[in-house]
């Protein structure tokens, strides 16, 4: 009886000195910032945020497309914008608007915005030519009416 009682008590005690590597018991280092905890200012410089805000303000079609995609996908797909600062053309940065899926992205439009944010142009997807927003909107309406 003593041997059985000793075994019952000793077995649970064997794990006391072990290193528990369970994911639930681990704490994350203080310097780690998970993506969902980041804000736009953590990852994007302030001038880029200003340019993105300008693009959204001047091209409401981006927000409209975002709402359309979110509605059609049950909020699983949204629109994102990325500035390509490495491929500046003259004083304008290319800004890519794309569908952001969980596994991939799909290009929608490419705009060029100058460094001051006061001129926005569109790159025609068919011809590769840079055009004004007015020309783009007119062409877009023509395609939608067909």
C-alpha atoms as a PDB file:
ATOM      1  CA  UNK A   1       0.000   0.000   0.000  1.00  0.00           C
ATOM      2  CA  UNK A   2       2.873   2.380   0.868  1.00  0.00           C
ATOM      3  CA  UNK A   3       4.527   1.631  -2.486  1.00  0.00           C
ATOM      4  CA  UNK A   4       1.345   2.428  -4.430  1.00  0.00           C
ATOM      5  CA  UNK A   5       0.814   5.651  -2.470  1.00  0.00           C
ATOM      6  CA  UNK A   6       4.437   6.690  -3.037  1.00  0.00           C
ATOM      7  CA  UNK A   7       4.088   6.061  -6.797  1.00  0.00           C
ATOM      8  CA  UNK A   8       0.885   8.109  -6.984  1.00  0.00           C
ATOM      9  CA  UNK A   9       2.565  11.049  -5.242  1.00  0.00           C
ATOM     10  CA  UNK A  10       5.941  10.791  -7.050  1.00  0.00           C
ATOM     11  CA  UNK A  11       4.659  10.641 -10.637  1.00  0.00           C
ATOM     12  CA  UNK A  12       3.049  14.107 -10.628  1.00  0.00           C
ATOM     13  CA  UNK A  13       6.153  15.546  -8.961  1.00  0.00           C
ATOM     14  CA  UNK A  14       8.400  14.372 -11.828  1.00  0.00           C
ATOM     15  CA  UNK A  15       7.123  17.174 -14.050  1.00  0.00           C
ATOM     16  CA  UNK A  16       7.805  19.977 -11.563  1.00  0.00           C
ATOM     17  CA  UNK A  17      11.393  20.611 -12.663  1.00  0.00           C
ATOM     18  CA  UNK A  18      10.731  20.163 -16.394  1.00  0.00           C
ATOM     19  CA  UNK A  19      10.836  23.067 -18.803  1.00  0.00           C
ATOM     20  CA  UNK A  20       7.283  23.607 -19.936  1.00  0.00           C
ATOM     21  CA  UNK A  21       7.388  24.709 -23.571  1.00  0.00           C
ATOM     22  CA  UNK A  22       3.666  24.874 -24.107  1.00  0.00           C
ATOM     23  CA  UNK A  23       2.638  27.795 -26.327  1.00  0.00           C
ATOM     24  CA  UNK A  24       0.077  28.777 -23.726  1.00  0.00           C
ATOM     25  CA  UNK A  25       2.675  29.198 -21.002  1.00  0.00           C
ATOM     26  CA  UNK A  26       5.211  31.154 -23.069  1.00  0.00           C
ATOM     27  CA  UNK A  27       5.264  34.926 -22.949  1.00  0.00           C
ATOM     28  CA  UNK A  28       6.204  36.991 -25.959  1.00  0.00           C
ATOM     29  CA  UNK A  29       9.286  39.224 -25.749  1.00  0.00           C
ATOM     30  CA  UNK A  30       8.537  42.877 -25.028  1.00  0.00           C
ATOM     31  CA  UNK A  31       9.907  44.063 -28.384  1.00  0.00           C
ATOM     32  CA  UNK A  32       7.580  41.910 -30.474  1.00  0.00           C
ATOM     33  CA  UNK A  33       4.647  43.778 -32.027  1.00  0.00           C
ATOM     34  CA  UNK A  34       2.094  41.529 -33.666  1.00  0.00           C
ATOM     35  CA  UNK A  35       0.631  42.787 -36.978  1.00  0.00           C
ATOM     36  CA  UNK A  36      -2.830  43.240 -35.479  1.00  0.00           C
ATOM     37  CA  UNK A  37      -1.291  45.450 -32.760  1.00  0.00           C
ATOM     38  CA  UNK A  38       0.510  47.723 -35.219  1.00  0.00           C
ATOM     39  CA  UNK A  39      -0.883  51.038 -36.305  1.00  0.00           C
ATOM     40  CA  UNK A  40      -0.352  52.685 -39.686  1.00  0.00           C
ATOM     41  CA  UNK A  41       2.240  55.015 -38.168  1.00  0.00           C
ATOM     42  CA  UNK A  42       4.302  52.035 -36.927  1.00  0.00           C
ATOM     43  CA  UNK A  43       4.900  50.767 -40.433  1.00  0.00           C
ATOM     44  CA  UNK A  44       4.391  53.699 -42.827  1.00  0.00           C
ATOM     45  CA  UNK A  45       6.196  57.059 -42.650  1.00  0.00           C
ATOM     46  CA  UNK A  46       3.955  60.081 -42.062  1.00  0.00           C
ATOM     47  CA  UNK A  47       4.492  61.568 -45.543  1.00  0.00           C
ATOM     48  CA  UNK A  48       3.361  58.295 -47.125  1.00  0.00           C
ATOM     49  CA  UNK A  49       0.229  58.268 -44.971  1.00  0.00           C
ATOM     50  CA  UNK A  50      -0.508  61.815 -46.160  1.00  0.00           C
ATOM     51  CA  UNK A  51      -0.120  60.746 -49.803  1.00  0.00           C
ATOM     52  CA  UNK A  52      -2.399  57.731 -49.271  1.00  0.00           C
ATOM     53  CA  UNK A  53      -5.013  59.928 -47.559  1.00  0.00           C
ATOM     54  CA  UNK A  54      -4.805  62.377 -50.466  1.00  0.00           C
ATOM     55  CA  UNK A  55      -5.314  59.541 -52.959  1.00  0.00           C
ATOM     56  CA  UNK A  56      -8.383  58.287 -51.071  1.00  0.00           C
ATOM     57  CA  UNK A  57      -9.798  61.819 -50.872  1.00  0.00           C
ATOM     58  CA  UNK A  58      -9.255  62.614 -54.563  1.00  0.00           C
ATOM     59  CA  UNK A  59     -10.222  59.183 -55.917  1.00  0.00           C
ATOM     60  CA  UNK A  60     -13.430  58.124 -54.146  1.00  0.00           C
ATOM     61  CA  UNK A  61     -13.619  55.168 -56.535  1.00  0.00           C
ATOM     62  CA  UNK A  62     -11.093  53.429 -54.257  1.00  0.00           C
ATOM     63  CA  UNK A  63     -13.457  53.528 -51.268  1.00  0.00           C
ATOM     64  CA  UNK A  64     -16.378  52.537 -53.484  1.00  0.00           C
ATOM     65  CA  UNK A  65     -14.420  49.531 -54.800  1.00  0.00           C
ATOM     66  CA  UNK A  66     -13.463  48.609 -51.234  1.00  0.00           C
ATOM     67  CA  UNK A  67     -17.109  48.622 -50.138  1.00  0.00           C
ATOM     68  CA  UNK A  68     -18.119  46.617 -53.204  1.00  0.00           C
ATOM     69  CA  UNK A  69     -15.475  43.934 -52.513  1.00  0.00           C
ATOM     70  CA  UNK A  70     -16.179  43.747 -48.778  1.00  0.00           C
ATOM     71  CA  UNK A  71     -19.900  43.312 -49.426  1.00  0.00           C
ATOM     72  CA  UNK A  72     -19.384  40.662 -52.115  1.00  0.00           C
ATOM     73  CA  UNK A  73     -16.870  38.705 -50.000  1.00  0.00           C
ATOM     74  CA  UNK A  74     -18.494  38.897 -46.556  1.00  0.00           C
ATOM     75  CA  UNK A  75     -15.690  41.241 -45.409  1.00  0.00           C
ATOM     76  CA  UNK A  76     -12.946  38.790 -46.417  1.00  0.00           C
ATOM     77  CA  UNK A  77     -11.507  40.906 -49.253  1.00  0.00           C
ATOM     78  CA  UNK A  78     -10.629  44.571 -49.092  1.00  0.00           C
ATOM     79  CA  UNK A  79      -8.737  47.186 -51.067  1.00  0.00           C
ATOM     80  CA  UNK A  80      -5.204  48.184 -50.108  1.00  0.00           C
ATOM     81  CA  UNK A  81      -2.855  50.849 -51.415  1.00  0.00           C
ATOM     82  CA  UNK A  82       0.926  50.626 -51.611  1.00  0.00           C
ATOM     83  CA  UNK A  83       3.387  53.375 -52.520  1.00  0.00           C
ATOM     84  CA  UNK A  84       6.408  52.262 -54.523  1.00  0.00           C
ATOM     85  CA  UNK A  85       9.041  54.727 -53.280  1.00  0.00           C
ATOM     86  CA  UNK A  86      11.847  52.778 -54.980  1.00  0.00           C
ATOM     87  CA  UNK A  87      10.490  53.362 -58.497  1.00  0.00           C
ATOM     88  CA  UNK A  88       9.841  57.087 -58.382  1.00  0.00           C
ATOM     89  CA  UNK A  89       9.306  58.540 -61.853  1.00  0.00           C
ATOM     90  CA  UNK A  90      10.315  62.187 -61.932  1.00  0.00           C
ATOM     91  CA  UNK A  91       8.658  63.709 -58.889  1.00  0.00           C
ATOM     92  CA  UNK A  92       5.822  61.150 -58.797  1.00  0.00           C
ATOM     93  CA  UNK A  93       5.471  57.884 -56.926  1.00  0.00           C
ATOM     94  CA  UNK A  94       3.518  54.946 -58.334  1.00  0.00           C
ATOM     95  CA  UNK A  95       0.692  53.948 -56.009  1.00  0.00           C
ATOM     96  CA  UNK A  96      -0.787  50.504 -56.507  1.00  0.00           C
ATOM     97  CA  UNK A  97      -4.400  49.814 -55.588  1.00  0.00           C
ATOM     98  CA  UNK A  98      -5.122  46.132 -55.242  1.00  0.00           C
ATOM     99  CA  UNK A  99      -7.567  43.564 -53.902  1.00  0.00           C
ATOM    100  CA  UNK A 100      -6.171  42.151 -50.685  1.00  0.00           C
ATOM    101  CA  UNK A 101      -7.163  38.480 -50.314  1.00  0.00           C
ATOM    102  CA  UNK A 102      -5.911  36.258 -47.483  1.00  0.00           C
ATOM    103  CA  UNK A 103      -3.694  34.261 -49.858  1.00  0.00           C
ATOM    104  CA  UNK A 104      -2.858  36.698 -52.652  1.00  0.00           C
ATOM    105  CA  UNK A 105      -3.369  40.175 -54.093  1.00  0.00           C
ATOM    106  CA  UNK A 106      -4.946  41.254 -57.377  1.00  0.00           C
ATOM    107  CA  UNK A 107      -3.958  44.550 -59.041  1.00  0.00           C
ATOM    108  CA  UNK A 108      -6.829  46.957 -59.718  1.00  0.00           C
ATOM    109  CA  UNK A 109      -5.362  50.364 -60.613  1.00  0.00           C
ATOM    110  CA  UNK A 110      -2.045  52.206 -60.688  1.00  0.00           C
ATOM    111  CA  UNK A 111      -1.915  55.914 -59.928  1.00  0.00           C
ATOM    112  CA  UNK A 112       0.979  58.347 -59.858  1.00  0.00           C
ATOM    113  CA  UNK A 113       1.017  61.044 -57.200  1.00  0.00           C
ATOM    114  CA  UNK A 114       3.617  63.772 -57.019  1.00  0.00           C
ATOM    115  CA  UNK A 115       5.624  64.269 -53.845  1.00  0.00           C
ATOM    116  CA  UNK A 116       3.504  67.281 -52.808  1.00  0.00           C
ATOM    117  CA  UNK A 117       0.289  65.326 -53.312  1.00  0.00           C
ATOM    118  CA  UNK A 118      -1.310  67.966 -55.524  1.00  0.00           C
ATOM    119  CA  UNK A 119      -1.232  66.033 -58.821  1.00  0.00           C
ATOM    120  CA  UNK A 120      -2.667  62.549 -59.318  1.00  0.00           C
ATOM    121  CA  UNK A 121      -2.554  60.689 -62.616  1.00  0.00           C
ATOM    122  CA  UNK A 122      -3.759  57.224 -63.637  1.00  0.00           C
ATOM    123  CA  UNK A 123      -1.878  54.617 -65.641  1.00  0.00           C
ATOM    124  CA  UNK A 124      -4.104  53.139 -68.322  1.00  0.00           C
ATOM    125  CA  UNK A 125      -3.976  49.366 -67.835  1.00  0.00           C
ATOM    126  CA  UNK A 126      -4.467  48.663 -71.544  1.00  0.00           C
ATOM    127  CA  UNK A 127      -2.034  51.135 -73.096  1.00  0.00           C
ATOM    128  CA  UNK A 128       0.409  51.761 -70.247  1.00  0.00           C
ATOM    129  CA  UNK A 129       0.040  55.496 -70.812  1.00  0.00           C
ATOM    130  CA  UNK A 130      -0.340  58.005 -67.995  1.00  0.00           C
ATOM    131  CA  UNK A 131      -3.643  59.910 -68.152  1.00  0.00           C
ATOM    132  CA  UNK A 132      -5.547  62.456 -66.096  1.00  0.00           C
ATOM    133  CA  UNK A 133      -8.186  61.347 -63.617  1.00  0.00           C
ATOM    134  CA  UNK A 134     -10.836  62.966 -65.808  1.00  0.00           C
ATOM    135  CA  UNK A 135      -9.755  60.901 -68.832  1.00  0.00           C
ATOM    136  CA  UNK A 136      -9.699  57.746 -66.712  1.00  0.00           C
ATOM    137  CA  UNK A 137     -13.184  58.411 -65.342  1.00  0.00           C
ATOM    138  CA  UNK A 138     -14.562  59.077 -68.816  1.00  0.00           C
ATOM    139  CA  UNK A 139     -13.015  55.876 -70.186  1.00  0.00           C
ATOM    140  CA  UNK A 140     -14.244  53.919 -67.181  1.00  0.00           C
ATOM    141  CA  UNK A 141     -17.811  55.161 -67.735  1.00  0.00           C
ATOM    142  CA  UNK A 142     -17.637  54.211 -71.404  1.00  0.00           C
ATOM    143  CA  UNK A 143     -16.639  50.646 -70.504  1.00  0.00           C
ATOM    144  CA  UNK A 144     -19.357  50.375 -67.862  1.00  0.00           C
ATOM    145  CA  UNK A 145     -22.073  51.505 -70.279  1.00  0.00           C
ATOM    146  CA  UNK A 146     -21.189  48.871 -72.873  1.00  0.00           C
END
